[in-house]
Amino acid sequence: MVCDPVRRLISDYLEFVNKTDRDYTQKKNMADTVEETVFESNVTKNVRIYNEMVDVGVYVKHLFHWLEYFPRKQMHFMDGDNFRNDPADELRKLETFLGVEHHFRKEHFYFDSSKQNHCVAFPKNFCMPSAKGRHHPVVADWALQKLCEFYKPYDNALTNLLRQRFTWVGKNC
């Protein structure tokens, strides 16, 4: 499952910040803000391309590695942003890819307004743990724009390689 890499980066930052192990966050070169963590502190404010949180969102780079070992026809890529909005739709696409009978329907999910996420309503109600669906920190507009511009060529390469359009591509910049 892939999602907007800027959103993924902010989510990863939040995950690392909430770790209780201080040594862990120091190893990840965490700073007090997303901006301080993923941008160089000089005047240009360039994206730190070797930062782990930045690198994870360069999906096409990782895909090239996977394609050395697995044929493309064995891979299915779910649009994480679409999954957040319509989990049944993405799961039906997965069922089709796997060649299994369609089971998931929209009524199998409900939107939990407090978590701002869809939850499973079948066979019993279940939501993701509290670590999921947390409110993201505020990130400066200039930083969001720079990150979006940084990921744009990688997102386009991913779209071209997979011949699959993702909901976030081309919408943020």
Protein backbone atom coordinates (compact mmCIF):
# COMPACT_ATOMS: atom_id res chain seq x y z
CA MET A 1 0.00 0.00 0.00
CA VAL A 2 1.38 3.35 -0.99
CA CYS A 3 0.10 6.78 -0.04
CA ASP A 4 0.99 10.42 -0.48
CA PRO A 5 4.70 10.41 0.45
CA VAL A 6 4.42 13.80 2.16
CA ARG A 7 1.63 12.47 4.37
CA ARG A 8 3.67 9.29 4.98
CA LEU A 9 6.71 11.36 6.02
CA ILE A 10 4.68 13.39 8.51
CA SER A 11 3.08 10.22 9.86
CA ASP A 12 6.51 8.59 10.24
CA TYR A 13 7.80 11.70 12.02
CA LEU A 14 4.87 11.51 14.44
CA GLU A 15 5.54 7.80 14.99
CA PHE A 16 9.22 8.41 15.76
CA VAL A 17 8.48 11.38 18.04
CA ASN A 18 6.05 9.28 20.07
CA LYS A 19 8.64 6.57 20.73
CA THR A 20 9.56 6.60 24.38
CA ASP A 21 13.13 5.45 23.74
CA ARG A 22 15.23 8.63 23.51
CA ASP A 23 18.18 6.70 22.04
CA TYR A 24 15.91 5.55 19.22
CA THR A 25 14.81 9.07 18.30
CA GLN A 26 18.40 10.31 18.45
CA LYS A 27 19.48 7.55 16.05
CA LYS A 28 16.78 8.77 13.66
CA ASN A 29 18.22 12.31 13.84
CA MET A 30 14.94 13.67 15.12
CA ALA A 31 14.54 17.36 15.76
CA ASP A 32 11.72 19.31 17.39
CA THR A 33 9.83 19.85 14.12
CA VAL A 34 9.33 18.10 10.80
CA GLU A 35 11.05 21.01 9.10
CA GLU A 36 14.18 20.77 11.27
CA THR A 37 14.28 17.01 10.82
CA VAL A 38 13.99 16.71 7.05
CA PHE A 39 15.46 19.97 5.75
CA GLU A 40 19.03 21.17 5.83
CA SER A 41 19.42 24.11 8.16
CA ASN A 42 21.17 26.30 5.62
CA VAL A 43 19.58 29.10 3.63
CA THR A 44 18.48 26.81 0.77
CA LYS A 45 16.51 24.50 3.08
CA ASN A 46 17.17 21.53 0.79
CA VAL A 47 15.47 18.24 1.52
CA ARG A 48 17.76 15.83 3.35
CA ILE A 49 17.56 13.09 0.75
CA TYR A 50 19.37 10.54 2.91
CA ASN A 51 16.95 10.96 5.80
CA GLU A 52 15.13 7.66 6.34
CA MET A 53 11.71 9.33 6.57
CA VAL A 54 12.30 11.07 3.23
CA ASP A 55 13.66 7.94 1.55
CA VAL A 56 10.72 5.71 2.45
CA GLY A 57 8.43 7.81 0.22
CA VAL A 58 10.61 7.37 -2.87
CA TYR A 59 8.53 4.32 -3.75
CA VAL A 60 9.85 3.90 -7.28
CA LYS A 61 13.40 3.40 -5.98
CA HIS A 62 12.25 0.53 -3.78
CA LEU A 63 10.09 -0.91 -6.54
CA PHE A 64 13.08 -1.21 -8.89
CA HIS A 65 14.77 -3.32 -6.24
CA TRP A 66 11.71 -5.57 -5.78
CA LEU A 67 11.40 -6.03 -9.55
CA GLU A 68 14.83 -7.67 -9.55
CA TYR A 69 13.29 -10.55 -7.61
CA PHE A 70 9.56 -10.57 -8.34
CA PRO A 71 7.69 -10.17 -11.62
CA ARG A 72 5.38 -7.14 -11.81
CA LYS A 73 2.36 -9.38 -12.47
CA GLN A 74 2.73 -10.79 -8.93
CA MET A 75 2.47 -7.34 -7.33
CA HIS A 76 -0.62 -5.35 -6.47
CA PHE A 77 -0.37 -1.75 -5.32
CA MET A 78 -3.15 -0.28 -3.25
CA ASP A 79 -3.72 3.46 -3.17
CA GLY A 80 -3.48 4.22 0.55
CA ASP A 81 -5.25 7.55 0.22
CA ASN A 82 -8.16 5.92 -1.61
CA PHE A 83 -8.15 3.15 1.00
CA ARG A 84 -8.57 5.75 3.75
CA ASN A 85 -11.61 7.20 1.95
CA ASP A 86 -13.14 4.03 0.51
CA PRO A 87 -11.63 0.83 1.94
CA ALA A 88 -14.20 -1.43 0.25
CA ASP A 89 -13.23 -0.15 -3.19
CA GLU A 90 -9.52 -0.82 -2.68
CA LEU A 91 -10.18 -4.24 -1.14
CA ARG A 92 -12.39 -5.21 -4.07
CA LYS A 93 -9.52 -4.31 -6.42
CA LEU A 94 -7.30 -6.59 -4.34
CA GLU A 95 -9.85 -9.40 -4.50
CA THR A 96 -9.97 -9.02 -8.30
CA PHE A 97 -6.16 -9.11 -8.50
CA LEU A 98 -6.07 -12.27 -6.38
CA GLY A 99 -8.85 -13.87 -8.40
CA VAL A 100 -11.01 -14.53 -5.37
CA GLU A 101 -14.71 -14.00 -4.87
CA HIS A 102 -15.69 -10.47 -3.93
CA HIS A 103 -16.58 -10.29 -0.25
CA PHE A 104 -16.02 -6.69 0.88
CA ARG A 105 -18.84 -4.19 0.60
CA LYS A 106 -19.21 -0.59 1.71
CA GLU A 107 -21.50 -1.63 4.58
CA HIS A 108 -18.63 -3.63 6.08
CA PHE A 109 -17.04 -0.31 7.10
CA TYR A 110 -18.12 2.74 9.03
CA PHE A 111 -16.47 6.11 9.54
CA ASP A 112 -15.40 6.86 13.12
CA SER A 113 -15.54 10.63 13.43
CA SER A 114 -13.41 10.70 16.58
CA LYS A 115 -10.58 8.74 14.91
CA GLN A 116 -11.20 10.35 11.50
CA ASN A 117 -10.78 6.90 9.98
CA HIS A 118 -12.83 4.04 8.65
CA CYS A 119 -13.32 1.04 10.91
CA VAL A 120 -14.47 -2.50 10.23
CA ALA A 121 -18.13 -3.21 10.99
CA PHE A 122 -18.15 -6.90 10.08
CA PRO A 123 -18.15 -9.44 11.60
CA LYS A 124 -17.79 -7.13 14.61
CA ASN A 125 -16.80 -3.50 15.07
CA PHE A 126 -13.05 -2.93 15.09
CA CYS A 127 -10.89 0.17 14.72
CA MET A 128 -7.17 0.52 14.34
CA PRO A 129 -5.20 1.05 17.57
CA SER A 130 -4.92 4.55 19.00
CA ALA A 131 -1.46 4.97 17.43
CA LYS A 132 -3.20 5.14 14.04
CA GLY A 133 -5.24 8.09 12.93
CA ARG A 134 -3.51 10.58 15.21
CA HIS A 135 -3.61 14.26 14.42
CA HIS A 136 -0.55 15.32 12.46
CA PRO A 137 1.60 18.25 13.56
CA VAL A 138 1.28 21.53 11.71
CA VAL A 139 3.94 21.78 9.02
CA ALA A 140 4.84 25.07 7.35
CA ASP A 141 3.37 25.62 3.89
CA TRP A 142 6.81 26.20 2.38
CA ALA A 143 7.95 22.81 3.71
CA LEU A 144 4.90 21.00 2.34
CA GLN A 145 5.47 22.65 -1.04
CA LYS A 146 9.18 21.73 -1.11
CA LEU A 147 8.43 18.14 -0.14
CA CYS A 148 5.73 17.89 -2.76
CA GLU A 149 8.10 19.22 -5.41
CA PHE A 150 10.81 16.83 -4.21
CA TYR A 151 8.55 13.77 -4.55
CA LYS A 152 6.85 14.84 -7.79
CA PRO A 153 9.34 13.29 -10.26
CA TYR A 154 9.44 10.06 -8.23
CA ASP A 155 5.64 9.90 -8.10
CA ASN A 156 5.46 10.45 -11.86
CA ALA A 157 8.07 7.72 -12.44
CA LEU A 158 6.07 5.36 -10.21
CA THR A 159 2.87 6.12 -12.12
CA ASN A 160 4.64 5.49 -15.45
CA LEU A 161 6.34 2.30 -14.30
CA LEU A 162 3.19 0.77 -12.81
CA ARG A 163 0.81 2.24 -15.38
CA GLN A 164 -1.38 3.05 -12.39
CA ARG A 165 -2.65 6.44 -11.29
CA PHE A 166 -2.62 7.27 -7.59
CA THR A 167 -5.02 9.80 -6.09
CA TRP A 168 -2.37 12.09 -4.63
CA VAL A 169 -0.19 12.42 -7.74
CA GLY A 170 -0.44 15.90 -9.19
CA LYS A 171 -2.85 17.22 -6.56
CA ASN A 172 -0.55 18.76 -3.94
CA CYS A 173 1.80 20.94 -5.94
